[in-house]
């Protein structure tokens, strides 16, 4: 069992529960169901990504960092090498 944390609304959530939630969230993207994906977010949840235009497919290693509260995603940040991304834009 993972480390016990106090979640929102006084609920206890283990770190392994949080890992399972994030893994399930990532897997949900393959089903392309917006309602399912949105259901993983807290009402005031935030996705923070670089403000750039979409580009053609690119092999872009990425690190996602999630903050969960009460079994819901409170904050999601992605980190990646901007140089690799801008080269894919053809800049």
N, C-alpha and C. Protein backbone atom coordinates (compact mmCIF):
# COMPACT_ATOMS: atom_id res chain seq x y z
N UNK A 1 0.85 -1.17 0.00
CA UNK A 1 0.00 0.00 0.00
C UNK A 1 0.89 1.23 0.00
N UNK A 2 0.47 2.26 -0.74
CA UNK A 2 1.25 3.48 -0.84
C UNK A 2 1.08 4.37 0.39
N UNK A 3 1.76 5.48 0.36
CA UNK A 3 1.70 6.44 1.45
C UNK A 3 0.31 7.06 1.51
N UNK A 4 -0.26 7.12 2.70
CA UNK A 4 -1.59 7.67 2.88
C UNK A 4 -1.54 9.20 2.89
N UNK A 5 -2.42 9.82 2.14
CA UNK A 5 -2.53 11.27 2.08
C UNK A 5 -3.98 11.66 2.36
N UNK A 6 -4.16 12.82 2.95
CA UNK A 6 -5.51 13.33 3.19
C UNK A 6 -5.95 14.08 1.94
N UNK A 7 -7.02 13.61 1.31
CA UNK A 7 -7.53 14.23 0.09
C UNK A 7 -8.58 15.28 0.40
N UNK A 8 -9.19 15.79 -0.65
CA UNK A 8 -10.26 16.77 -0.49
C UNK A 8 -11.44 16.11 0.21
N UNK A 9 -12.22 16.89 0.89
CA UNK A 9 -13.42 16.43 1.56
C UNK A 9 -13.12 15.40 2.64
N UNK A 10 -11.88 15.40 3.16
CA UNK A 10 -11.51 14.51 4.25
C UNK A 10 -11.33 13.06 3.86
N UNK A 11 -11.23 12.77 2.56
CA UNK A 11 -11.07 11.39 2.12
C UNK A 11 -9.60 11.01 2.17
N UNK A 12 -9.33 9.75 2.47
CA UNK A 12 -7.96 9.24 2.46
C UNK A 12 -7.67 8.63 1.10
N UNK A 13 -6.55 9.02 0.51
CA UNK A 13 -6.15 8.53 -0.80
C UNK A 13 -4.70 8.10 -0.69
N UNK A 14 -4.37 6.90 -1.15
CA UNK A 14 -2.98 6.46 -1.11
C UNK A 14 -2.27 6.91 -2.38
N UNK A 15 -0.95 6.99 -2.30
CA UNK A 15 -0.17 7.36 -3.47
C UNK A 15 -0.40 6.36 -4.59
N UNK A 16 -0.54 5.06 -4.26
CA UNK A 16 -0.79 4.08 -5.31
C UNK A 16 -2.16 4.29 -5.94
N UNK A 17 -3.16 4.77 -5.17
CA UNK A 17 -4.46 5.12 -5.75
C UNK A 17 -4.28 6.24 -6.76
N UNK A 18 -3.49 7.24 -6.42
CA UNK A 18 -3.24 8.37 -7.33
C UNK A 18 -2.56 7.89 -8.60
N UNK A 19 -1.60 7.00 -8.47
CA UNK A 19 -0.92 6.47 -9.65
C UNK A 19 -1.90 5.72 -10.54
N UNK A 20 -2.77 4.95 -9.95
CA UNK A 20 -3.78 4.22 -10.71
C UNK A 20 -4.71 5.19 -11.44
N UNK A 21 -5.12 6.25 -10.77
CA UNK A 21 -5.99 7.25 -11.39
C UNK A 21 -5.31 7.88 -12.60
N UNK A 22 -4.04 8.27 -12.47
CA UNK A 22 -3.32 8.89 -13.57
C UNK A 22 -3.15 7.91 -14.72
N UNK A 23 -2.80 6.66 -14.42
CA UNK A 23 -2.65 5.65 -15.48
C UNK A 23 -3.98 5.40 -16.20
N UNK A 24 -5.08 5.33 -15.44
CA UNK A 24 -6.40 5.15 -16.04
C UNK A 24 -6.77 6.35 -16.90
N UNK A 25 -6.42 7.55 -16.43
CA UNK A 25 -6.68 8.78 -17.19
C UNK A 25 -5.94 8.75 -18.52
N UNK A 26 -4.68 8.40 -18.49
CA UNK A 26 -3.89 8.34 -19.73
C UNK A 26 -4.47 7.29 -20.68
N UNK A 27 -4.86 6.16 -20.15
CA UNK A 27 -5.46 5.11 -20.99
C UNK A 27 -6.78 5.57 -21.60
N UNK A 28 -7.52 6.41 -20.89
CA UNK A 28 -8.82 6.89 -21.39
C UNK A 28 -8.67 7.69 -22.68
N UNK A 29 -7.53 8.32 -22.88
CA UNK A 29 -7.34 9.11 -24.11
C UNK A 29 -7.46 8.26 -25.36
N UNK A 30 -7.09 6.99 -25.29
CA UNK A 30 -7.17 6.13 -26.48
C UNK A 30 -8.62 5.86 -26.88
N UNK A 31 -9.55 6.05 -25.96
CA UNK A 31 -10.97 5.83 -26.26
C UNK A 31 -11.65 7.10 -26.80
N UNK A 32 -10.95 8.24 -26.74
CA UNK A 32 -11.43 9.52 -27.29
C UNK A 32 -12.84 9.87 -26.83
N UNK A 33 -13.11 9.62 -25.55
CA UNK A 33 -14.41 9.94 -24.97
C UNK A 33 -14.23 11.16 -24.07
N UNK A 34 -14.66 12.31 -24.56
CA UNK A 34 -14.46 13.56 -23.83
C UNK A 34 -15.08 13.56 -22.45
N UNK A 35 -16.27 12.99 -22.31
CA UNK A 35 -16.92 12.94 -21.00
C UNK A 35 -16.12 12.10 -20.01
N UNK A 36 -15.59 10.98 -20.50
CA UNK A 36 -14.78 10.12 -19.63
C UNK A 36 -13.51 10.86 -19.19
N UNK A 37 -12.84 11.51 -20.13
CA UNK A 37 -11.61 12.24 -19.83
C UNK A 37 -11.90 13.38 -18.85
N UNK A 38 -12.95 14.15 -19.11
CA UNK A 38 -13.30 15.27 -18.24
C UNK A 38 -13.66 14.79 -16.84
N UNK A 39 -14.18 13.59 -16.72
CA UNK A 39 -14.57 13.04 -15.43
C UNK A 39 -13.40 12.83 -14.47
N UNK A 40 -12.20 12.82 -15.00
CA UNK A 40 -11.02 12.66 -14.15
C UNK A 40 -10.59 13.97 -13.49
N UNK A 41 -11.14 15.10 -13.95
CA UNK A 41 -10.73 16.40 -13.45
C UNK A 41 -11.64 16.90 -12.33
N UNK A 42 -11.03 17.61 -11.39
CA UNK A 42 -11.79 18.33 -10.38
C UNK A 42 -12.55 19.45 -11.09
N UNK A 43 -13.60 19.95 -10.46
CA UNK A 43 -14.41 21.02 -11.06
C UNK A 43 -13.55 22.23 -11.42
N UNK A 44 -12.51 22.51 -10.63
CA UNK A 44 -11.62 23.63 -10.91
C UNK A 44 -10.26 23.16 -11.41
N UNK A 45 -10.22 21.97 -12.01
CA UNK A 45 -8.97 21.39 -12.51
C UNK A 45 -8.38 22.21 -13.64
N UNK A 46 -7.06 22.12 -13.80
CA UNK A 46 -6.33 22.92 -14.79
C UNK A 46 -5.39 22.01 -15.58
N UNK A 47 -5.35 22.18 -16.91
CA UNK A 47 -4.32 21.57 -17.74
C UNK A 47 -3.45 22.70 -18.24
N UNK A 48 -2.16 22.65 -17.97
CA UNK A 48 -1.22 23.71 -18.32
C UNK A 48 -0.23 23.17 -19.34
N UNK A 49 -0.22 23.75 -20.52
CA UNK A 49 0.72 23.34 -21.57
C UNK A 49 1.26 24.60 -22.25
N UNK A 50 2.28 24.42 -23.03
CA UNK A 50 2.89 25.55 -23.73
C UNK A 50 1.88 26.15 -24.71
N UNK A 51 1.81 27.46 -24.81
CA UNK A 51 0.84 28.10 -25.70
C UNK A 51 1.36 28.18 -27.14
N UNK A 52 1.45 27.05 -27.81
CA UNK A 52 1.91 27.04 -29.19
C UNK A 52 0.86 26.38 -30.07
N UNK A 53 0.98 26.61 -31.34
CA UNK A 53 0.04 26.04 -32.31
C UNK A 53 0.29 24.53 -32.46
N UNK A 54 -0.75 23.81 -32.86
CA UNK A 54 -0.55 22.37 -33.13
C UNK A 54 0.46 22.19 -34.26
N UNK A 55 1.12 21.01 -34.33
CA UNK A 55 2.09 20.74 -35.39
C UNK A 55 1.86 19.34 -35.93
N UNK A 56 2.55 19.00 -36.97
CA UNK A 56 2.54 17.65 -37.54
C UNK A 56 3.06 16.67 -36.51
N UNK A 57 2.83 15.34 -36.69
CA UNK A 57 3.33 14.38 -35.69
C UNK A 57 4.83 14.54 -35.45
N UNK A 58 5.23 14.37 -34.18
CA UNK A 58 6.63 14.51 -33.80
C UNK A 58 6.91 13.57 -32.63
N UNK A 59 8.10 12.96 -32.64
CA UNK A 59 8.53 12.14 -31.52
C UNK A 59 9.02 13.10 -30.44
N UNK A 60 8.20 13.31 -29.41
CA UNK A 60 8.49 14.32 -28.41
C UNK A 60 8.42 13.70 -27.02
N UNK A 61 9.56 13.28 -26.47
CA UNK A 61 9.53 12.78 -25.09
C UNK A 61 8.94 13.83 -24.17
N UNK A 62 8.12 13.41 -23.26
CA UNK A 62 7.36 14.32 -22.42
C UNK A 62 7.28 13.76 -21.00
N UNK A 63 7.20 14.65 -20.04
CA UNK A 63 7.01 14.26 -18.64
C UNK A 63 5.75 14.95 -18.14
N UNK A 64 4.76 14.18 -17.77
CA UNK A 64 3.53 14.73 -17.21
C UNK A 64 3.59 14.72 -15.69
N UNK A 65 3.24 15.83 -15.07
CA UNK A 65 3.23 15.94 -13.62
C UNK A 65 1.79 16.23 -13.20
N UNK A 66 1.27 15.41 -12.31
CA UNK A 66 -0.12 15.53 -11.88
C UNK A 66 -0.20 15.81 -10.39
N UNK A 67 -1.13 16.68 -10.02
CA UNK A 67 -1.47 16.90 -8.62
C UNK A 67 -2.92 16.46 -8.47
N UNK A 68 -3.17 15.51 -7.57
CA UNK A 68 -4.51 15.02 -7.36
C UNK A 68 -5.04 15.44 -6.01
N UNK A 69 -6.36 15.61 -5.95
CA UNK A 69 -7.01 15.97 -4.71
C UNK A 69 -8.35 15.27 -4.66
N UNK A 70 -8.55 14.46 -3.66
CA UNK A 70 -9.81 13.75 -3.51
C UNK A 70 -10.12 12.81 -4.66
N UNK A 71 -9.10 12.21 -5.24
CA UNK A 71 -9.30 11.27 -6.32
C UNK A 71 -9.57 11.92 -7.67
N UNK A 72 -9.35 13.23 -7.81
CA UNK A 72 -9.54 13.95 -9.06
C UNK A 72 -8.29 14.73 -9.40
N UNK A 73 -8.06 14.94 -10.69
CA UNK A 73 -6.90 15.71 -11.13
C UNK A 73 -7.16 17.18 -10.84
N UNK A 74 -6.30 17.76 -10.04
CA UNK A 74 -6.39 19.18 -9.69
C UNK A 74 -5.53 20.03 -10.63
N UNK A 75 -4.38 19.47 -11.04
CA UNK A 75 -3.45 20.20 -11.89
C UNK A 75 -2.68 19.20 -12.75
N UNK A 76 -2.51 19.53 -14.03
CA UNK A 76 -1.75 18.69 -14.95
C UNK A 76 -0.81 19.59 -15.72
N UNK A 77 0.48 19.31 -15.61
CA UNK A 77 1.50 20.06 -16.35
C UNK A 77 2.31 19.10 -17.19
N UNK A 78 2.62 19.49 -18.41
CA UNK A 78 3.50 18.71 -19.28
C UNK A 78 4.80 19.47 -19.48
N UNK A 79 5.89 18.75 -19.45
CA UNK A 79 7.21 19.32 -19.68
C UNK A 79 7.85 18.58 -20.85
N UNK A 80 8.43 19.33 -21.79
CA UNK A 80 9.11 18.73 -22.93
C UNK A 80 10.14 19.72 -23.45
N UNK A 81 11.02 19.23 -24.34
CA UNK A 81 12.06 20.07 -24.90
C UNK A 81 11.46 20.96 -25.99
N UNK A 82 11.45 22.25 -25.74
CA UNK A 82 10.84 23.19 -26.67
C UNK A 82 11.57 23.22 -28.02
N UNK A 83 12.88 23.03 -28.01
CA UNK A 83 13.63 23.02 -29.26
C UNK A 83 13.19 21.90 -30.18
N UNK A 84 12.98 20.71 -29.65
CA UNK A 84 12.49 19.58 -30.44
C UNK A 84 11.12 19.91 -31.03
N UNK A 85 10.27 20.52 -30.21
CA UNK A 85 8.92 20.86 -30.66
C UNK A 85 8.95 21.94 -31.75
N UNK A 86 9.73 22.99 -31.56
CA UNK A 86 9.75 24.06 -32.57
C UNK A 86 10.38 23.59 -33.89
N UNK A 87 11.34 22.67 -33.81
CA UNK A 87 11.89 22.09 -35.06
C UNK A 87 10.79 21.34 -35.81
N UNK A 88 9.90 20.68 -35.09
CA UNK A 88 8.80 19.97 -35.74
C UNK A 88 7.82 20.93 -36.40
N UNK A 89 7.74 22.16 -35.91
CA UNK A 89 6.89 23.18 -36.50
C UNK A 89 7.50 23.73 -37.79
N UNK A 90 8.76 23.40 -38.03
CA UNK A 90 9.44 23.90 -39.21
C UNK A 90 10.02 25.29 -39.04
N UNK A 91 10.14 25.71 -37.79
CA UNK A 91 10.66 27.05 -37.51
C UNK A 91 12.17 27.09 -37.67
